[in-house]
Amino acid sequence: EQYKDYRKALERKDIDVVTIGSPDHWHTSMVLAALKAGKDVYCEKPLTLTIDEGKRIAKAVKESGRVMQVGTQQ
């Protein structure tokens, strides 16, 4: 299925993990939303644009207990 709003995909109970390959400025909000929805997350580099965003994500990962990975696809 295709969605115009990524949050609709996060509502699905049959999805356990998401891959985030959006423009860089969307990474933080999408990662946080996915973790809040109980999904494991793989996000392309760069994960964040600021140190504060990285701290927010680290806190969310710890609180959610979900798996979070960052990498590059080249």
PDB file of N, CA and C in Angstrom:
ATOM      1  N   GLU A   1       0.828  -1.181   0.000  1.00  0.00           N
ATOM      2  CA  GLU A   1       0.000   0.000   0.000  1.00  0.00           C
ATOM      3  C   GLU A   1       0.874   1.246   0.000  1.00  0.00           C
ATOM      4  N   GLN A   2       0.325   2.315  -0.510  1.00  0.00           N
ATOM      5  CA  GLN A   2       1.022   3.598  -0.500  1.00  0.00           C
ATOM      6  C   GLN A   2       0.216   4.576   0.347  1.00  0.00           C
ATOM      7  N   TYR A   3       0.942   5.451   1.027  1.00  0.00           N
ATOM      8  CA  TYR A   3       0.302   6.440   1.888  1.00  0.00           C
ATOM      9  C   TYR A   3       0.837   7.822   1.564  1.00  0.00           C
ATOM     10  N   LYS A   4      -0.017   8.803   1.601  1.00  0.00           N
ATOM     11  CA  LYS A   4       0.421  10.196   1.440  1.00  0.00           C
ATOM     12  C   LYS A   4       0.947  10.738   2.764  1.00  0.00           C
ATOM     13  N   ASP A   5       0.517  10.132   3.868  1.00  0.00           N
ATOM     14  CA  ASP A   5       0.930  10.551   5.207  1.00  0.00           C
ATOM     15  C   ASP A   5       1.558   9.346   5.915  1.00  0.00           C
ATOM     16  N   TYR A   6       2.847   9.427   6.211  1.00  0.00           N
ATOM     17  CA  TYR A   6       3.570   8.311   6.816  1.00  0.00           C
ATOM     18  C   TYR A   6       2.956   7.846   8.133  1.00  0.00           C
ATOM     19  N   ARG A   7       2.265   8.729   8.818  1.00  0.00           N
ATOM     20  CA  ARG A   7       1.658   8.357  10.108  1.00  0.00           C
ATOM     21  C   ARG A   7       0.588   7.284   9.946  1.00  0.00           C
ATOM     22  N   LYS A   8      -0.026   7.214   8.785  1.00  0.00           N
ATOM     23  CA  LYS A   8      -1.018   6.158   8.517  1.00  0.00           C
ATOM     24  C   LYS A   8      -0.340   4.786   8.514  1.00  0.00           C
ATOM     25  N   ALA A   9       0.853   4.704   7.956  1.00  0.00           N
ATOM     26  CA  ALA A   9       1.594   3.437   7.955  1.00  0.00           C
ATOM     27  C   ALA A   9       1.985   3.049   9.371  1.00  0.00           C
ATOM     28  N   LEU A  10       2.302   4.032  10.215  1.00  0.00           N
ATOM     29  CA  LEU A  10       2.693   3.749  11.595  1.00  0.00           C
ATOM     30  C   LEU A  10       1.532   3.214  12.422  1.00  0.00           C
ATOM     31  N   GLU A  11       0.305   3.462  11.997  1.00  0.00           N
ATOM     32  CA  GLU A  11      -0.876   2.964  12.714  1.00  0.00           C
ATOM     33  C   GLU A  11      -1.089   1.467  12.501  1.00  0.00           C
ATOM     34  N   ARG A  12      -0.475   0.904  11.467  1.00  0.00           N
ATOM     35  CA  ARG A  12      -0.684  -0.508  11.155  1.00  0.00           C
ATOM     36  C   ARG A  12      -0.017  -1.402  12.195  1.00  0.00           C
ATOM     37  N   LYS A  13      -0.782  -2.373  12.681  1.00  0.00           N
ATOM     38  CA  LYS A  13      -0.277  -3.313  13.691  1.00  0.00           C
ATOM     39  C   LYS A  13       0.575  -4.418  13.074  1.00  0.00           C
ATOM     40  N   ASP A  14       0.464  -4.623  11.756  1.00  0.00           N
ATOM     41  CA  ASP A  14       1.220  -5.683  11.105  1.00  0.00           C
ATOM     42  C   ASP A  14       2.592  -5.215  10.614  1.00  0.00           C
ATOM     43  N   ILE A  15       2.971  -3.982  10.910  1.00  0.00           N
ATOM     44  CA  ILE A  15       4.298  -3.456  10.569  1.00  0.00           C
ATOM     45  C   ILE A  15       5.115  -3.348  11.852  1.00  0.00           C
ATOM     46  N   ASP A  16       6.268  -4.036  11.873  1.00  0.00           N
ATOM     47  CA  ASP A  16       7.119  -4.055  13.063  1.00  0.00           C
ATOM     48  C   ASP A  16       8.313  -3.118  12.968  1.00  0.00           C
ATOM     49  N   VAL A  17       8.754  -2.852  11.734  1.00  0.00           N
ATOM     50  CA  VAL A  17       9.960  -2.059  11.527  1.00  0.00           C
ATOM     51  C   VAL A  17       9.754  -1.120  10.342  1.00  0.00           C
ATOM     52  N   VAL A  18      10.371   0.048  10.422  1.00  0.00           N
ATOM     53  CA  VAL A  18      10.298   1.008   9.321  1.00  0.00           C
ATOM     54  C   VAL A  18      11.702   1.431   8.906  1.00  0.00           C
ATOM     55  N   THR A  19      11.837   1.742   7.630  1.00  0.00           N
ATOM     56  CA  THR A  19      13.067   2.310   7.095  1.00  0.00           C
ATOM     57  C   THR A  19      12.762   3.738   6.695  1.00  0.00           C
ATOM     58  N   ILE A  20      13.562   4.668   7.186  1.00  0.00           N
ATOM     59  CA  ILE A  20      13.338   6.080   6.897  1.00  0.00           C
ATOM     60  C   ILE A  20      14.405   6.558   5.919  1.00  0.00           C
ATOM     61  N   GLY A  21      13.939   6.946   4.731  1.00  0.00           N
ATOM     62  CA  GLY A  21      14.823   7.427   3.673  1.00  0.00           C
ATOM     63  C   GLY A  21      14.285   8.734   3.105  1.00  0.00           C
ATOM     64  N   SER A  22      13.868   9.603   3.977  1.00  0.00           N
ATOM     65  CA  SER A  22      13.259  10.878   3.591  1.00  0.00           C
ATOM     66  C   SER A  22      14.325  11.978   3.543  1.00  0.00           C
ATOM     67  N   PRO A  23      13.948  13.189   3.108  1.00  0.00           N
ATOM     68  CA  PRO A  23      14.895  14.308   3.204  1.00  0.00           C
ATOM     69  C   PRO A  23      15.363  14.478   4.656  1.00  0.00           C
ATOM     70  N   ASP A  24      16.603  14.896   4.813  1.00  0.00           N
ATOM     71  CA  ASP A  24      17.252  14.944   6.138  1.00  0.00           C
ATOM     72  C   ASP A  24      16.437  15.665   7.207  1.00  0.00           C
ATOM     73  N   HIS A  25      15.793  16.763   6.853  1.00  0.00           N
ATOM     74  CA  HIS A  25      15.096  17.548   7.872  1.00  0.00           C
ATOM     75  C   HIS A  25      13.858  16.840   8.420  1.00  0.00           C
ATOM     76  N   TRP A  26      13.436  15.738   7.818  1.00  0.00           N
ATOM     77  CA  TRP A  26      12.293  14.961   8.307  1.00  0.00           C
ATOM     78  C   TRP A  26      12.715  13.815   9.221  1.00  0.00           C
ATOM     79  N   HIS A  27      13.970  13.458   9.251  1.00  0.00           N
ATOM     80  CA  HIS A  27      14.409  12.268   9.977  1.00  0.00           C
ATOM     81  C   HIS A  27      13.987  12.272  11.443  1.00  0.00           C
ATOM     82  N   THR A  28      14.262  13.320  12.163  1.00  0.00           N
ATOM     83  CA  THR A  28      13.986  13.327  13.601  1.00  0.00           C
ATOM     84  C   THR A  28      12.507  13.125  13.899  1.00  0.00           C
ATOM     85  N   SER A  29      11.641  13.876  13.259  1.00  0.00           N
ATOM     86  CA  SER A  29      10.214  13.746  13.562  1.00  0.00           C
ATOM     87  C   SER A  29       9.681  12.372  13.168  1.00  0.00           C
ATOM     88  N   MET A  30      10.173  11.822  12.064  1.00  0.00           N
ATOM     89  CA  MET A  30       9.712  10.494  11.645  1.00  0.00           C
ATOM     90  C   MET A  30      10.220   9.401  12.580  1.00  0.00           C
ATOM     91  N   VAL A  31      11.473   9.497  13.001  1.00  0.00           N
ATOM     92  CA  VAL A  31      12.030   8.519  13.932  1.00  0.00           C
ATOM     93  C   VAL A  31      11.259   8.557  15.250  1.00  0.00           C
ATOM     94  N   LEU A  32      11.046   9.744  15.784  1.00  0.00           N
ATOM     95  CA  LEU A  32      10.330   9.863  17.051  1.00  0.00           C
ATOM     96  C   LEU A  32       8.910   9.318  16.949  1.00  0.00           C
ATOM     97  N   ALA A  33       8.232   9.598  15.843  1.00  0.00           N
ATOM     98  CA  ALA A  33       6.869   9.087  15.649  1.00  0.00           C
ATOM     99  C   ALA A  33       6.866   7.563  15.548  1.00  0.00           C
ATOM    100  N   ALA A  34       7.839   7.008  14.846  1.00  0.00           N
ATOM    101  CA  ALA A  34       7.917   5.552  14.698  1.00  0.00           C
ATOM    102  C   ALA A  34       8.187   4.875  16.034  1.00  0.00           C
ATOM    103  N   LEU A  35       9.113   5.432  16.806  1.00  0.00           N
ATOM    104  CA  LEU A  35       9.398   4.864  18.127  1.00  0.00           C
ATOM    105  C   LEU A  35       8.179   4.943  19.028  1.00  0.00           C
ATOM    106  N   LYS A  36       7.482   6.059  18.985  1.00  0.00           N
ATOM    107  CA  LYS A  36       6.268   6.223  19.787  1.00  0.00           C
ATOM    108  C   LYS A  36       5.193   5.207  19.376  1.00  0.00           C
ATOM    109  N   ALA A  37       5.168   4.854  18.102  1.00  0.00           N
ATOM    110  CA  ALA A  37       4.201   3.884  17.589  1.00  0.00           C
ATOM    111  C   ALA A  37       4.637   2.438  17.864  1.00  0.00           C
ATOM    112  N   GLY A  38       5.808   2.263  18.492  1.00  0.00           N
ATOM    113  CA  GLY A  38       6.271   0.922  18.844  1.00  0.00           C
ATOM    114  C   GLY A  38       6.973   0.182  17.719  1.00  0.00           C
ATOM    115  N   LYS A  39       7.561   0.917  16.795  1.00  0.00           N
ATOM    116  CA  LYS A  39       8.263   0.303  15.664  1.00  0.00           C
ATOM    117  C   LYS A  39       9.769   0.337  15.882  1.00  0.00           C
ATOM    118  N   ASP A  40      10.464  -0.691  15.389  1.00  0.00           N
ATOM    119  CA  ASP A  40      11.912  -0.629  15.290  1.00  0.00           C
ATOM    120  C   ASP A  40      12.218   0.249  14.080  1.00  0.00           C
ATOM    121  N   VAL A  41      13.407   0.887  14.084  1.00  0.00           N
ATOM    122  CA  VAL A  41      13.694   1.895  13.053  1.00  0.00           C
ATOM    123  C   VAL A  41      15.093   1.730  12.477  1.00  0.00           C
ATOM    124  N   TYR A  42      15.173   1.785  11.137  1.00  0.00           N
ATOM    125  CA  TYR A  42      16.440   1.960  10.429  1.00  0.00           C
ATOM    126  C   TYR A  42      16.331   3.300   9.712  1.00  0.00           C
ATOM    127  N   CYS A  43      17.286   4.193   9.933  1.00  0.00           N
ATOM    128  CA  CYS A  43      17.254   5.513   9.317  1.00  0.00           C
ATOM    129  C   CYS A  43      18.554   5.759   8.561  1.00  0.00           C
ATOM    130  N   GLU A  44      18.420   6.331   7.373  1.00  0.00           N
ATOM    131  CA  GLU A  44      19.612   6.669   6.604  1.00  0.00           C
ATOM    132  C   GLU A  44      20.346   7.836   7.255  1.00  0.00           C
ATOM    133  N   LYS A  45      21.623   7.988   6.916  1.00  0.00           N
ATOM    134  CA  LYS A  45      22.419   9.111   7.401  1.00  0.00           C
ATOM    135  C   LYS A  45      22.052  10.380   6.651  1.00  0.00           C
ATOM    136  N   PRO A  46      22.209  11.527   7.220  1.00  0.00           N
ATOM    137  CA  PRO A  46      22.508  11.788   8.618  1.00  0.00           C
ATOM    138  C   PRO A  46      21.247  11.617   9.463  1.00  0.00           C
ATOM    139  N   LEU A  47      21.419  11.097  10.660  1.00  0.00           N
ATOM    140  CA  LEU A  47      20.268  10.872  11.519  1.00  0.00           C
ATOM    141  C   LEU A  47      19.609  12.184  11.908  1.00  0.00           C
ATOM    142  N   THR A  48      20.409  13.156  12.313  1.00  0.00           N
ATOM    143  CA  THR A  48      19.861  14.429  12.777  1.00  0.00           C
ATOM    144  C   THR A  48      20.635  15.599  12.173  1.00  0.00           C
ATOM    145  N   LEU A  49      20.088  16.778  12.389  1.00  0.00           N
ATOM    146  CA  LEU A  49      20.769  17.998  11.959  1.00  0.00           C
ATOM    147  C   LEU A  49      21.418  18.729  13.127  1.00  0.00           C
ATOM    148  N   THR A  50      21.002  18.381  14.369  1.00  0.00           N
ATOM    149  CA  THR A  50      21.556  19.043  15.552  1.00  0.00           C
ATOM    150  C   THR A  50      21.857  18.020  16.645  1.00  0.00           C
ATOM    151  N   ILE A  51      22.695  18.408  17.581  1.00  0.00           N
ATOM    152  CA  ILE A  51      23.006  17.555  18.726  1.00  0.00           C
ATOM    153  C   ILE A  51      21.764  17.339  19.579  1.00  0.00           C
ATOM    154  N   ASP A  52      20.961  18.386  19.761  1.00  0.00           N
ATOM    155  CA  ASP A  52      19.744  18.276  20.566  1.00  0.00           C
ATOM    156  C   ASP A  52      18.789  17.224  19.988  1.00  0.00           C
ATOM    157  N   GLU A  53      18.642  17.192  18.678  1.00  0.00           N
ATOM    158  CA  GLU A  53      17.779  16.178  18.057  1.00  0.00           C
ATOM    159  C   GLU A  53      18.308  14.777  18.354  1.00  0.00           C
ATOM    160  N   GLY A  54      19.613  14.605  18.312  1.00  0.00           N
ATOM    161  CA  GLY A  54      20.217  13.314  18.639  1.00  0.00           C
ATOM    162  C   GLY A  54      19.931  12.900  20.063  1.00  0.00           C
ATOM    163  N   LYS A  55      19.986  13.845  20.981  1.00  0.00           N
ATOM    164  CA  LYS A  55      19.694  13.553  22.379  1.00  0.00           C
ATOM    165  C   LYS A  55      18.235  13.156  22.557  1.00  0.00           C
ATOM    166  N   ARG A  56      17.338  13.826  21.838  1.00  0.00           N
ATOM    167  CA  ARG A  56      15.906  13.486  21.916  1.00  0.00           C
ATOM    168  C   ARG A  56      15.657  12.066  21.399  1.00  0.00           C
ATOM    169  N   ILE A  57      16.326  11.713  20.311  1.00  0.00           N
ATOM    170  CA  ILE A  57      16.165  10.369  19.761  1.00  0.00           C
ATOM    171  C   ILE A  57      16.742   9.331  20.709  1.00  0.00           C
ATOM    172  N   ALA A  58      17.929   9.583  21.257  1.00  0.00           N
ATOM    173  CA  ALA A  58      18.540   8.636  22.194  1.00  0.00           C
ATOM    174  C   ALA A  58      17.626   8.392  23.390  1.00  0.00           C
ATOM    175  N   LYS A  59      17.022   9.447  23.899  1.00  0.00           N
ATOM    176  CA  LYS A  59      16.094   9.317  25.025  1.00  0.00           C
ATOM    177  C   LYS A  59      14.868   8.496  24.627  1.00  0.00           C
ATOM    178  N   ALA A  60      14.327   8.756  23.443  1.00  0.00           N
ATOM    179  CA  ALA A  60      13.139   8.033  22.972  1.00  0.00           C
ATOM    180  C   ALA A  60      13.439   6.551  22.758  1.00  0.00           C
ATOM    181  N   VAL A  61      14.629   6.240  22.242  1.00  0.00           N
ATOM    182  CA  VAL A  61      15.015   4.836  22.046  1.00  0.00           C
ATOM    183  C   VAL A  61      15.084   4.132  23.394  1.00  0.00           C
ATOM    184  N   LYS A  62      15.713   4.772  24.364  1.00  0.00           N
ATOM    185  CA  LYS A  62      15.847   4.176  25.697  1.00  0.00           C
ATOM    186  C   LYS A  62      14.476   3.959  26.332  1.00  0.00           C
ATOM    187  N   GLU A  63      13.610   4.947  26.231  1.00  0.00           N
ATOM    188  CA  GLU A  63      12.282   4.845  26.845  1.00  0.00           C
ATOM    189  C   GLU A  63      11.394   3.820  26.142  1.00  0.00           C
ATOM    190  N   SER A  64      11.536   3.695  24.831  1.00  0.00           N
ATOM    191  CA  SER A  64      10.668   2.786  24.075  1.00  0.00           C
ATOM    192  C   SER A  64      11.143   1.338  24.123  1.00  0.00           C
ATOM    193  N   GLY A  65      12.454   1.150  24.302  1.00  0.00           N
ATOM    194  CA  GLY A  65      13.007  -0.202  24.282  1.00  0.00           C
ATOM    195  C   GLY A  65      13.061  -0.798  22.877  1.00  0.00           C
ATOM    196  N   ARG A  66      12.872   0.015  21.860  1.00  0.00           N
ATOM    197  CA  ARG A  66      12.886  -0.454  20.473  1.00  0.00           C
ATOM    198  C   ARG A  66      14.306  -0.448  19.925  1.00  0.00           C
ATOM    199  N   VAL A  67      14.512  -1.106  18.795  1.00  0.00           N
ATOM    200  CA  VAL A  67      15.806  -1.168  18.124  1.00  0.00           C
ATOM    201  C   VAL A  67      15.900   0.015  17.151  1.00  0.00           C
ATOM    202  N   MET A  68      17.045   0.702  17.188  1.00  0.00           N
ATOM    203  CA  MET A  68      17.275   1.849  16.301  1.00  0.00           C
ATOM    204  C   MET A  68      18.644   1.690  15.675  1.00  0.00           C
ATOM    205  N   GLN A  69      18.712   1.818  14.350  1.00  0.00           N
ATOM    206  CA  GLN A  69      19.986   1.701  13.649  1.00  0.00           C
ATOM    207  C   GLN A  69      20.077   2.812  12.600  1.00  0.00           C
ATOM    208  N   VAL A  70      21.297   3.275  12.375  1.00  0.00           N
ATOM    209  CA  VAL A  70      21.560   4.326  11.386  1.00  0.00           C
ATOM    210  C   VAL A  70      22.612   3.785  10.427  1.00  0.00           C
ATOM    211  N   GLY A  71      22.442   4.082   9.147  1.00  0.00           N
ATOM    212  CA  GLY A  71      23.420   3.618   8.179  1.00  0.00           C
ATOM    213  C   GLY A  71      23.321   4.355   6.868  1.00  0.00           C
ATOM    214  N   THR A  72      24.093   3.894   5.906  1.00  0.00           N
ATOM    215  CA  THR A  72      24.116   4.498   4.582  1.00  0.00           C
ATOM    216  C   THR A  72      23.911   3.428   3.532  1.00  0.00           C
ATOM    217  N   GLN A  73      23.278   3.795   2.455  1.00  0.00           N
ATOM    218  CA  GLN A  73      23.034   2.865   1.346  1.00  0.00           C
ATOM    219  C   GLN A  73      23.772   3.378   0.116  1.00  0.00           C
ATOM    220  N   GLN A  74      24.957   2.883  -0.113  1.00  0.00           N
ATOM    221  CA  GLN A  74      25.741   3.315  -1.279  1.00  0.00           C
ATOM    222  C   GLN A  74      26.210   2.118  -2.060  1.00  0.00           C
TER     223      GLN A  74
END
